[in-house]
PDB file of all heavy atoms in Angstrom:
ATOM      1  N   PRO A   1     -16.222   8.099  32.391  1.00  0.00           N
ATOM      2  CA  PRO A   1     -16.081   8.451  30.974  1.00  0.00           C
ATOM      3  C   PRO A   1     -15.841   9.939  30.719  1.00  0.00           C
ATOM      4  O   PRO A   1     -15.273  10.300  29.684  1.00  0.00           O
ATOM      5  CB  PRO A   1     -17.415   8.000  30.370  1.00  0.00           C
ATOM      6  CG  PRO A   1     -17.937   6.978  31.321  1.00  0.00           C
ATOM      7  CD  PRO A   1     -17.481   7.428  32.682  1.00  0.00           C
ATOM      8  N   SER A   2     -16.255  10.793  31.638  1.00  0.00           N
ATOM      9  CA  SER A   2     -16.072  12.231  31.432  1.00  0.00           C
ATOM     10  C   SER A   2     -14.592  12.612  31.414  1.00  0.00           C
ATOM     11  O   SER A   2     -14.221  13.660  30.897  1.00  0.00           O
ATOM     12  CB  SER A   2     -16.800  13.019  32.523  1.00  0.00           C
ATOM     13  OG  SER A   2     -16.242  12.746  33.802  1.00  0.00           O
ATOM     14  N   ASN A   3     -13.748  11.776  31.982  1.00  0.00           N
ATOM     15  CA  ASN A   3     -12.319  12.033  32.015  1.00  0.00           C
ATOM     16  C   ASN A   3     -11.586  11.341  30.870  1.00  0.00           C
ATOM     17  O   ASN A   3     -10.353  11.267  30.873  1.00  0.00           O
ATOM     18  CB  ASN A   3     -11.710  11.552  33.343  1.00  0.00           C
ATOM     19  CG  ASN A   3     -12.206  12.375  34.514  1.00  0.00           C
ATOM     20  OD1 ASN A   3     -12.569  13.537  34.354  1.00  0.00           O
ATOM     21  ND2 ASN A   3     -12.211  11.773  35.699  1.00  0.00           N
ATOM     22  N   TRP A   4     -12.330  10.832  29.873  1.00  0.00           N
ATOM     23  CA  TRP A   4     -11.713  10.009  28.833  1.00  0.00           C
ATOM     24  C   TRP A   4     -10.675  10.765  28.014  1.00  0.00           C
ATOM     25  O   TRP A   4      -9.586  10.242  27.732  1.00  0.00           O
ATOM     26  CB  TRP A   4     -12.799   9.432  27.918  1.00  0.00           C
ATOM     27  CG  TRP A   4     -12.255   8.585  26.818  1.00  0.00           C
ATOM     28  CD1 TRP A   4     -12.360   8.819  25.478  1.00  0.00           C
ATOM     29  CD2 TRP A   4     -11.509   7.379  26.938  1.00  0.00           C
ATOM     30  NE1 TRP A   4     -11.732   7.831  24.752  1.00  0.00           N
ATOM     31  CE2 TRP A   4     -11.199   6.936  25.633  1.00  0.00           C
ATOM     32  CE3 TRP A   4     -11.053   6.622  28.020  1.00  0.00           C
ATOM     33  CZ2 TRP A   4     -10.464   5.780  25.381  1.00  0.00           C
ATOM     34  CZ3 TRP A   4     -10.316   5.465  27.769  1.00  0.00           C
ATOM     35  CH2 TRP A   4     -10.036   5.052  26.476  1.00  0.00           C
ATOM     36  N   SER A   5     -10.963  11.977  27.611  1.00  0.00           N
ATOM     37  CA  SER A   5     -10.014  12.741  26.797  1.00  0.00           C
ATOM     38  C   SER A   5      -8.688  12.936  27.517  1.00  0.00           C
ATOM     39  O   SER A   5      -7.603  12.782  26.921  1.00  0.00           O
ATOM     40  CB  SER A   5     -10.605  14.111  26.425  1.00  0.00           C
ATOM     41  OG  SER A   5     -11.724  13.964  25.609  1.00  0.00           O
ATOM     42  N   GLU A   6      -8.769  13.259  28.786  1.00  0.00           N
ATOM     43  CA  GLU A   6      -7.536  13.429  29.578  1.00  0.00           C
ATOM     44  C   GLU A   6      -6.817  12.093  29.738  1.00  0.00           C
ATOM     45  O   GLU A   6      -5.575  12.044  29.698  1.00  0.00           O
ATOM     46  CB  GLU A   6      -7.890  14.017  30.959  1.00  0.00           C
ATOM     47  CG  GLU A   6      -6.680  14.406  31.793  1.00  0.00           C
ATOM     48  CD  GLU A   6      -5.862  15.526  31.156  1.00  0.00           C
ATOM     49  OE1 GLU A   6      -6.447  16.323  30.398  1.00  0.00           O
ATOM     50  OE2 GLU A   6      -4.651  15.579  31.425  1.00  0.00           O
ATOM     51  N   PHE A   7      -7.590  11.015  29.892  1.00  0.00           N
ATOM     52  CA  PHE A   7      -7.006   9.685  30.014  1.00  0.00           C
ATOM     53  C   PHE A   7      -6.218   9.319  28.754  1.00  0.00           C
ATOM     54  O   PHE A   7      -5.108   8.796  28.822  1.00  0.00           O
ATOM     55  CB  PHE A   7      -8.106   8.649  30.263  1.00  0.00           C
ATOM     56  CG  PHE A   7      -7.629   7.228  30.318  1.00  0.00           C
ATOM     57  CD1 PHE A   7      -7.090   6.703  31.479  1.00  0.00           C
ATOM     58  CD2 PHE A   7      -7.706   6.407  29.195  1.00  0.00           C
ATOM     59  CE1 PHE A   7      -6.630   5.398  31.525  1.00  0.00           C
ATOM     60  CE2 PHE A   7      -7.265   5.103  29.231  1.00  0.00           C
ATOM     61  CZ  PHE A   7      -6.720   4.588  30.406  1.00  0.00           C
ATOM     62  N   VAL A   8      -6.793   9.618  27.593  1.00  0.00           N
ATOM     63  CA  VAL A   8      -6.118   9.327  26.318  1.00  0.00           C
ATOM     64  C   VAL A   8      -4.812  10.100  26.214  1.00  0.00           C
ATOM     65  O   VAL A   8      -3.765   9.541  25.836  1.00  0.00           O
ATOM     66  CB  VAL A   8      -7.036   9.666  25.115  1.00  0.00           C
ATOM     67  CG1 VAL A   8      -6.256   9.585  23.809  1.00  0.00           C
ATOM     68  CG2 VAL A   8      -8.216   8.715  25.076  1.00  0.00           C
ATOM     69  N   LYS A   9      -4.814  11.385  26.556  1.00  0.00           N
ATOM     70  CA  LYS A   9      -3.605  12.196  26.490  1.00  0.00           C
ATOM     71  C   LYS A   9      -2.509  11.631  27.383  1.00  0.00           C
ATOM     72  O   LYS A   9      -1.336  11.514  26.971  1.00  0.00           O
ATOM     73  CB  LYS A   9      -3.917  13.635  26.894  1.00  0.00           C
ATOM     74  CG  LYS A   9      -4.790  14.392  25.897  1.00  0.00           C
ATOM     75  CD  LYS A   9      -5.075  15.804  26.388  1.00  0.00           C
ATOM     76  CE  LYS A   9      -6.005  16.540  25.432  1.00  0.00           C
ATOM     77  NZ  LYS A   9      -6.320  17.910  25.933  1.00  0.00           N
ATOM     78  N   LYS A  10      -2.863  11.267  28.607  1.00  0.00           N
ATOM     79  CA  LYS A  10      -1.865  10.729  29.546  1.00  0.00           C
ATOM     80  C   LYS A  10      -1.358   9.369  29.087  1.00  0.00           C
ATOM     81  O   LYS A  10      -0.171   9.057  29.223  1.00  0.00           O
ATOM     82  CB  LYS A  10      -2.482  10.623  30.941  1.00  0.00           C
ATOM     83  CG  LYS A  10      -2.726  11.954  31.629  1.00  0.00           C
ATOM     84  CD  LYS A  10      -3.284  11.755  33.020  1.00  0.00           C
ATOM     85  CE  LYS A  10      -3.483  13.100  33.728  1.00  0.00           C
ATOM     86  NZ  LYS A  10      -4.047  12.926  35.101  1.00  0.00           N
ATOM     87  N   THR A  11      -2.259   8.561  28.525  1.00  0.00           N
ATOM     88  CA  THR A  11      -1.877   7.218  28.083  1.00  0.00           C
ATOM     89  C   THR A  11      -0.887   7.264  26.929  1.00  0.00           C
ATOM     90  O   THR A  11       0.060   6.478  26.868  1.00  0.00           O
ATOM     91  CB  THR A  11      -3.129   6.427  27.658  1.00  0.00           C
ATOM     92  OG1 THR A  11      -4.018   6.307  28.779  1.00  0.00           O
ATOM     93  CG2 THR A  11      -2.754   5.027  27.186  1.00  0.00           C
ATOM     94  N   LEU A  12      -1.080   8.209  26.014  1.00  0.00           N
ATOM     95  CA  LEU A  12      -0.228   8.288  24.826  1.00  0.00           C
ATOM     96  C   LEU A  12       1.046   9.106  25.051  1.00  0.00           C
ATOM     97  O   LEU A  12       1.974   9.029  24.247  1.00  0.00           O
ATOM     98  CB  LEU A  12      -1.011   8.877  23.658  1.00  0.00           C
ATOM     99  CG  LEU A  12      -2.169   8.039  23.124  1.00  0.00           C
ATOM    100  CD1 LEU A  12      -2.837   8.729  21.955  1.00  0.00           C
ATOM    101  CD2 LEU A  12      -1.688   6.639  22.719  1.00  0.00           C
ATOM    102  N   ASN A  13       1.085   9.867  26.123  1.00  0.00           N
ATOM    103  CA  ASN A  13       2.250  10.690  26.397  1.00  0.00           C
ATOM    104  C   ASN A  13       3.481   9.814  26.630  1.00  0.00           C
ATOM    105  O   ASN A  13       3.524   9.003  27.546  1.00  0.00           O
ATOM    106  CB  ASN A  13       1.983  11.578  27.614  1.00  0.00           C
ATOM    107  CG  ASN A  13       3.133  12.536  27.890  1.00  0.00           C
ATOM    108  OD1 ASN A  13       3.764  13.038  26.963  1.00  0.00           O
ATOM    109  ND2 ASN A  13       3.403  12.766  29.168  1.00  0.00           N
ATOM    110  N   LYS A  14       4.485   9.961  25.760  1.00  0.00           N
ATOM    111  CA  LYS A  14       5.747   9.218  25.835  1.00  0.00           C
ATOM    112  C   LYS A  14       5.547   7.697  25.717  1.00  0.00           C
ATOM    113  O   LYS A  14       6.415   6.914  26.116  1.00  0.00           O
ATOM    114  CB  LYS A  14       6.485   9.550  27.133  1.00  0.00           C
ATOM    115  CG  LYS A  14       6.894  11.012  27.250  1.00  0.00           C
ATOM    116  CD  LYS A  14       7.646  11.278  28.537  1.00  0.00           C
ATOM    117  CE  LYS A  14       8.051  12.751  28.622  1.00  0.00           C
ATOM    118  NZ  LYS A  14       8.814  13.044  29.876  1.00  0.00           N
ATOM    119  N   ALA A  15       4.407   7.274  25.186  1.00  0.00           N
ATOM    120  CA  ALA A  15       4.141   5.838  25.019  1.00  0.00           C
ATOM    121  C   ALA A  15       4.875   5.299  23.797  1.00  0.00           C
ATOM    122  O   ALA A  15       5.275   6.055  22.897  1.00  0.00           O
ATOM    123  CB  ALA A  15       2.634   5.592  24.883  1.00  0.00           C
ATOM    124  N   ASP A  16       5.046   3.997  23.751  1.00  0.00           N
ATOM    125  CA  ASP A  16       5.662   3.317  22.609  1.00  0.00           C
ATOM    126  C   ASP A  16       4.559   3.036  21.593  1.00  0.00           C
ATOM    127  O   ASP A  16       3.762   2.111  21.769  1.00  0.00           O
ATOM    128  CB  ASP A  16       6.301   2.007  23.096  1.00  0.00           C
ATOM    129  CG  ASP A  16       7.280   1.433  22.091  1.00  0.00           C
ATOM    130  OD1 ASP A  16       7.475   2.061  21.026  1.00  0.00           O
ATOM    131  OD2 ASP A  16       7.847   0.355  22.364  1.00  0.00           O
ATOM    132  N   LEU A  17       4.493   3.838  20.549  1.00  0.00           N
ATOM    133  CA  LEU A  17       3.377   3.790  19.611  1.00  0.00           C
ATOM    134  C   LEU A  17       3.669   2.854  18.438  1.00  0.00           C
ATOM    135  O   LEU A  17       4.773   2.840  17.899  1.00  0.00           O
ATOM    136  CB  LEU A  17       3.056   5.185  19.083  1.00  0.00           C
ATOM    137  CG  LEU A  17       2.827   6.292  20.123  1.00  0.00           C
ATOM    138  CD1 LEU A  17       2.462   7.593  19.420  1.00  0.00           C
ATOM    139  CD2 LEU A  17       1.761   5.882  21.119  1.00  0.00           C
ATOM    140  N   SER A  18       2.662   2.093  18.029  1.00  0.00           N
ATOM    141  CA  SER A  18       2.799   1.255  16.845  1.00  0.00           C
ATOM    142  C   SER A  18       2.806   2.118  15.596  1.00  0.00           C
ATOM    143  O   SER A  18       2.262   3.208  15.573  1.00  0.00           O
ATOM    144  CB  SER A  18       1.648   0.255  16.779  1.00  0.00           C
ATOM    145  OG  SER A  18       0.405   0.925  16.690  1.00  0.00           O
ATOM    146  N   THR A  19       3.449   1.611  14.549  1.00  0.00           N
ATOM    147  CA  THR A  19       3.523   2.342  13.290  1.00  0.00           C
ATOM    148  C   THR A  19       2.908   1.517  12.172  1.00  0.00           C
ATOM    149  O   THR A  19       2.725   0.300  12.298  1.00  0.00           O
ATOM    150  CB  THR A  19       4.978   2.678  12.951  1.00  0.00           C
ATOM    151  OG1 THR A  19       5.772   1.483  13.029  1.00  0.00           O
ATOM    152  CG2 THR A  19       5.543   3.698  13.921  1.00  0.00           C
ATOM    153  N   SER A  20       2.595   2.165  11.088  1.00  0.00           N
ATOM    154  CA  SER A  20       1.792   1.544  10.027  1.00  0.00           C
ATOM    155  C   SER A  20       2.419   0.308   9.420  1.00  0.00           C
ATOM    156  O   SER A  20       1.710  -0.598   8.975  1.00  0.00           O
ATOM    157  CB  SER A  20       1.493   2.576   8.937  1.00  0.00           C
ATOM    158  OG  SER A  20       2.698   3.076   8.384  1.00  0.00           O
ATOM    159  N   GLU A  21       3.759   0.214   9.370  1.00  0.00           N
ATOM    160  CA  GLU A  21       4.389  -0.930   8.709  1.00  0.00           C
ATOM    161  C   GLU A  21       4.189  -2.247   9.459  1.00  0.00           C
ATOM    162  O   GLU A  21       4.429  -3.326   8.902  1.00  0.00           O
ATOM    163  CB  GLU A  21       5.898  -0.678   8.508  1.00  0.00           C
ATOM    164  CG  GLU A  21       6.693  -0.527   9.775  1.00  0.00           C
ATOM    165  CD  GLU A  21       6.826   0.917  10.229  1.00  0.00           C
ATOM    166  OE1 GLU A  21       6.034   1.757   9.751  1.00  0.00           O
ATOM    167  OE2 GLU A  21       7.703   1.191  11.057  1.00  0.00           O
ATOM    168  N   LEU A  22       3.751  -2.187  10.706  1.00  0.00           N
ATOM    169  CA  LEU A  22       3.495  -3.407  11.471  1.00  0.00           C
ATOM    170  C   LEU A  22       2.179  -4.066  11.074  1.00  0.00           C
ATOM    171  O   LEU A  22       1.980  -5.263  11.336  1.00  0.00           O
ATOM    172  CB  LEU A  22       3.460  -3.097  12.967  1.00  0.00           C
ATOM    173  CG  LEU A  22       4.731  -2.521  13.588  1.00  0.00           C
ATOM    174  CD1 LEU A  22       4.495  -2.226  15.066  1.00  0.00           C
ATOM    175  CD2 LEU A  22       5.897  -3.482  13.424  1.00  0.00           C
ATOM    176  N   PHE A  23       1.305  -3.309  10.445  1.00  0.00           N
ATOM    177  CA  PHE A  23      -0.045  -3.791  10.155  1.00  0.00           C
ATOM    178  C   PHE A  23      -0.115  -4.308   8.717  1.00  0.00           C
ATOM    179  O   PHE A  23       0.302  -3.647   7.779  1.00  0.00           O
ATOM    180  CB  PHE A  23      -1.057  -2.667  10.382  1.00  0.00           C
ATOM    181  CG  PHE A  23      -1.098  -2.209  11.803  1.00  0.00           C
ATOM    182  CD1 PHE A  23      -0.162  -1.298  12.271  1.00  0.00           C
ATOM    183  CD2 PHE A  23      -2.043  -2.703  12.685  1.00  0.00           C
ATOM    184  CE1 PHE A  23      -0.175  -0.876  13.601  1.00  0.00           C
ATOM    185  CE2 PHE A  23      -2.060  -2.289  14.004  1.00  0.00           C
ATOM    186  CZ  PHE A  23      -1.129  -1.381  14.472  1.00  0.00           C
ATOM    187  N   LEU A  24      -0.664  -5.502   8.573  1.00  0.00           N
ATOM    188  CA  LEU A  24      -0.671  -6.180   7.298  1.00  0.00           C
ATOM    189  C   LEU A  24      -2.077  -6.240   6.700  1.00  0.00           C
ATOM    190  O   LEU A  24      -3.074  -6.181   7.432  1.00  0.00           O
ATOM    191  CB  LEU A  24      -0.115  -7.597   7.461  1.00  0.00           C
ATOM    192  CG  LEU A  24       1.284  -7.671   8.101  1.00  0.00           C
ATOM    193  CD1 LEU A  24       1.682  -9.125   8.322  1.00  0.00           C
ATOM    194  CD2 LEU A  24       2.315  -6.958   7.236  1.00  0.00           C
ATOM    195  N   THR A  25      -2.157  -6.372   5.409  1.00  0.00           N
ATOM    196  CA  THR A  25      -3.450  -6.438   4.720  1.00  0.00           C
ATOM    197  C   THR A  25      -4.152  -7.750   5.049  1.00  0.00           C
ATOM    198  O   THR A  25      -3.538  -8.826   4.939  1.00  0.00           O
ATOM    199  CB  THR A  25      -3.252  -6.330   3.199  1.00  0.00           C
ATOM    200  OG1 THR A  25      -2.563  -5.109   2.904  1.00  0.00           O
ATOM    201  CG2 THR A  25      -4.591  -6.354   2.477  1.00  0.00           C
ATOM    202  N   PRO A  26      -5.410  -7.703   5.465  1.00  0.00           N
ATOM    203  CA  PRO A  26      -6.147  -8.943   5.732  1.00  0.00           C
ATOM    204  C   PRO A  26      -6.261  -9.812   4.488  1.00  0.00           C
ATOM    205  O   PRO A  26      -6.237  -9.296   3.360  1.00  0.00           O
ATOM    206  CB  PRO A  26      -7.525  -8.444   6.191  1.00  0.00           C
ATOM    207  CG  PRO A  26      -7.291  -7.039   6.631  1.00  0.00           C
ATOM    208  CD  PRO A  26      -6.209  -6.508   5.760  1.00  0.00           C
ATOM    209  N   PRO A  27      -6.388 -11.127   4.658  1.00  0.00           N
ATOM    210  CA  PRO A  27      -6.506 -12.013   3.496  1.00  0.00           C
ATOM    211  C   PRO A  27      -7.837 -11.844   2.779  1.00  0.00           C
ATOM    212  O   PRO A  27      -8.795 -11.311   3.338  1.00  0.00           O
ATOM    213  CB  PRO A  27      -6.402 -13.408   4.113  1.00  0.00           C
ATOM    214  CG  PRO A  27      -6.916 -13.225   5.522  1.00  0.00           C
ATOM    215  CD  PRO A  27      -6.458 -11.862   5.935  1.00  0.00           C
ATOM    216  N   THR A  28      -7.865 -12.286   1.527  1.00  0.00           N
ATOM    217  CA  THR A  28      -9.112 -12.311   0.770  1.00  0.00           C
ATOM    218  C   THR A  28      -9.935 -13.516   1.221  1.00  0.00           C
ATOM    219  O   THR A  28      -9.465 -14.655   1.141  1.00  0.00           O
ATOM    220  CB  THR A  28      -8.843 -12.418  -0.741  1.00  0.00           C
ATOM    221  OG1 THR A  28      -8.049 -11.307  -1.150  1.00  0.00           O
ATOM    222  CG2 THR A  28     -10.151 -12.436  -1.517  1.00  0.00           C
ATOM    223  N   PRO A  29     -11.149 -13.315   1.728  1.00  0.00           N
ATOM    224  CA  PRO A  29     -11.929 -14.452   2.269  1.00  0.00           C
ATOM    225  C   PRO A  29     -12.458 -15.367   1.170  1.00  0.00           C
ATOM    226  O   PRO A  29     -12.708 -14.909   0.040  1.00  0.00           O
ATOM    227  CB  PRO A  29     -13.081 -13.763   3.009  1.00  0.00           C
ATOM    228  CG  PRO A  29     -13.220 -12.432   2.330  1.00  0.00           C
ATOM    229  CD  PRO A  29     -11.848 -12.029   1.900  1.00  0.00           C
ATOM    230  N   PRO A  30     -12.606 -16.654   1.459  1.00  0.00           N
ATOM    231  CA  PRO A  30     -13.220 -17.559   0.492  1.00  0.00           C
ATOM    232  C   PRO A  30     -14.664 -17.173   0.229  1.00  0.00           C
ATOM    233  O   PRO A  30     -15.332 -16.619   1.103  1.00  0.00           O
ATOM    234  CB  PRO A  30     -13.125 -18.937   1.170  1.00  0.00           C
ATOM    235  CG  PRO A  30     -12.950 -18.646   2.613  1.00  0.00           C
ATOM    236  CD  PRO A  30     -12.240 -17.344   2.718  1.00  0.00           C
ATOM    237  N   GLU A  31     -15.152 -17.463  -0.972  1.00  0.00           N
ATOM    238  CA  GLU A  31     -16.478 -17.007  -1.372  1.00  0.00           C
ATOM    239  C   GLU A  31     -17.611 -17.778  -0.702  1.00  0.00           C
ATOM    240  O   GLU A  31     -18.698 -17.240  -0.505  1.00  0.00           O
ATOM    241  CB  GLU A  31     -16.613 -17.098  -2.897  1.00  0.00           C
ATOM    242  CG  GLU A  31     -15.710 -16.136  -3.642  1.00  0.00           C
ATOM    243  CD  GLU A  31     -15.913 -16.216  -5.143  1.00  0.00           C
ATOM    244  OE1 GLU A  31     -16.738 -17.049  -5.599  1.00  0.00           O
ATOM    245  OE2 GLU A  31     -15.268 -15.438  -5.870  1.00  0.00           O
ATOM    246  N   LYS A  32     -17.381 -19.049  -0.371  1.00  0.00           N
ATOM    247  CA  LYS A  32     -18.459 -19.824   0.262  1.00  0.00           C
ATOM    248  C   LYS A  32     -17.881 -20.900   1.174  1.00  0.00           C
ATOM    249  O   LYS A  32     -16.681 -21.187   1.132  1.00  0.00           O
ATOM    250  CB  LYS A  32     -19.371 -20.453  -0.789  1.00  0.00           C
ATOM    251  CG  LYS A  32     -18.671 -21.355  -1.782  1.00  0.00           C
ATOM    252  CD  LYS A  32     -19.675 -21.897  -2.803  1.00  0.00           C
ATOM    253  CE  LYS A  32     -19.006 -22.782  -3.845  1.00  0.00           C
ATOM    254  NZ  LYS A  32     -19.989 -23.324  -4.824  1.00  0.00           N
ATOM    255  N   ASN A  33     -18.746 -21.461   1.977  1.00  0.00           N
ATOM    256  CA  ASN A  33     -18.349 -22.488   2.942  1.00  0.00           C
ATOM    257  C   ASN A  33     -18.208 -23.834   2.245  1.00  0.00           C
ATOM    258  O   ASN A  33     -19.191 -24.415   1.791  1.00  0.00           O
ATOM    259  CB  ASN A  33     -19.413 -22.566   4.047  1.00  0.00           C
ATOM    260  CG  ASN A  33     -19.025 -23.500   5.173  1.00  0.00           C
ATOM    261  OD1 ASN A  33     -17.944 -24.098   5.162  1.00  0.00           O
ATOM    262  ND2 ASN A  33     -19.885 -23.619   6.170  1.00  0.00           N
ATOM    263  N   MET A  34     -16.973 -24.337   2.194  1.00  0.00           N
ATOM    264  CA  MET A  34     -16.705 -25.619   1.547  1.00  0.00           C
ATOM    265  C   MET A  34     -16.211 -26.673   2.545  1.00  0.00           C
ATOM    266  O   MET A  34     -15.743 -27.740   2.149  1.00  0.00           O
ATOM    267  CB  MET A  34     -15.658 -25.417   0.442  1.00  0.00           C
ATOM    268  CG  MET A  34     -16.113 -24.521  -0.695  1.00  0.00           C
ATOM    269  SD  MET A  34     -17.492 -25.236  -1.638  1.00  0.00           S
ATOM    270  CE  MET A  34     -16.626 -26.562  -2.485  1.00  0.00           C
ATOM    271  N   PHE A  35     -16.313 -26.359   3.840  1.00  0.00           N
ATOM    272  CA  PHE A  35     -15.904 -27.347   4.853  1.00  0.00           C
ATOM    273  C   PHE A  35     -16.846 -28.545   4.834  1.00  0.00           C
ATOM    274  O   PHE A  35     -18.042 -28.415   4.526  1.00  0.00           O
ATOM    275  CB  PHE A  35     -15.911 -26.722   6.250  1.00  0.00           C
ATOM    276  CG  PHE A  35     -14.748 -25.803   6.504  1.00  0.00           C
ATOM    277  CD1 PHE A  35     -14.881 -24.422   6.354  1.00  0.00           C
ATOM    278  CD2 PHE A  35     -13.515 -26.310   6.884  1.00  0.00           C
ATOM    279  CE1 PHE A  35     -13.806 -23.575   6.589  1.00  0.00           C
ATOM    280  CE2 PHE A  35     -12.442 -25.478   7.131  1.00  0.00           C
ATOM    281  CZ  PHE A  35     -12.586 -24.098   6.975  1.00  0.00           C
ATOM    282  N   GLU A  36     -16.302 -29.706   5.201  1.00  0.00           N
ATOM    283  CA  GLU A  36     -17.092 -30.934   5.286  1.00  0.00           C
ATOM    284  C   GLU A  36     -16.867 -31.590   6.638  1.00  0.00           C
ATOM    285  O   GLU A  36     -15.787 -31.467   7.237  1.00  0.00           O
ATOM    286  CB  GLU A  36     -16.690 -31.906   4.167  1.00  0.00           C
ATOM    287  CG  GLU A  36     -16.973 -31.374   2.768  1.00  0.00           C
ATOM    288  CD  GLU A  36     -16.529 -32.341   1.682  1.00  0.00           C
ATOM    289  OE1 GLU A  36     -16.081 -33.467   2.036  1.00  0.00           O
ATOM    290  OE2 GLU A  36     -16.629 -31.984   0.495  1.00  0.00           O
ATOM    291  N   VAL A  37     -17.882 -32.271   7.111  1.00  0.00           N
ATOM    292  CA  VAL A  37     -17.797 -32.977   8.395  1.00  0.00           C
ATOM    293  C   VAL A  37     -16.647 -33.982   8.350  1.00  0.00           C
ATOM    294  O   VAL A  37     -16.472 -34.706   7.376  1.00  0.00           O
ATOM    295  CB  VAL A  37     -19.123 -33.695   8.710  1.00  0.00           C
ATOM    296  CG1 VAL A  37     -18.971 -34.579   9.954  1.00  0.00           C
ATOM    297  CG2 VAL A  37     -20.247 -32.672   8.908  1.00  0.00           C
TER     298      VAL A  37
END
């Protein structure tokens, strides 16, 4: 773990990075459990 900062730098160097438009808003969850057996 002591080498983590250096690991991050090397991992991201020239890497194919994701951009914000790929990430979507999570759905609104139902208020209660209405499933039935």
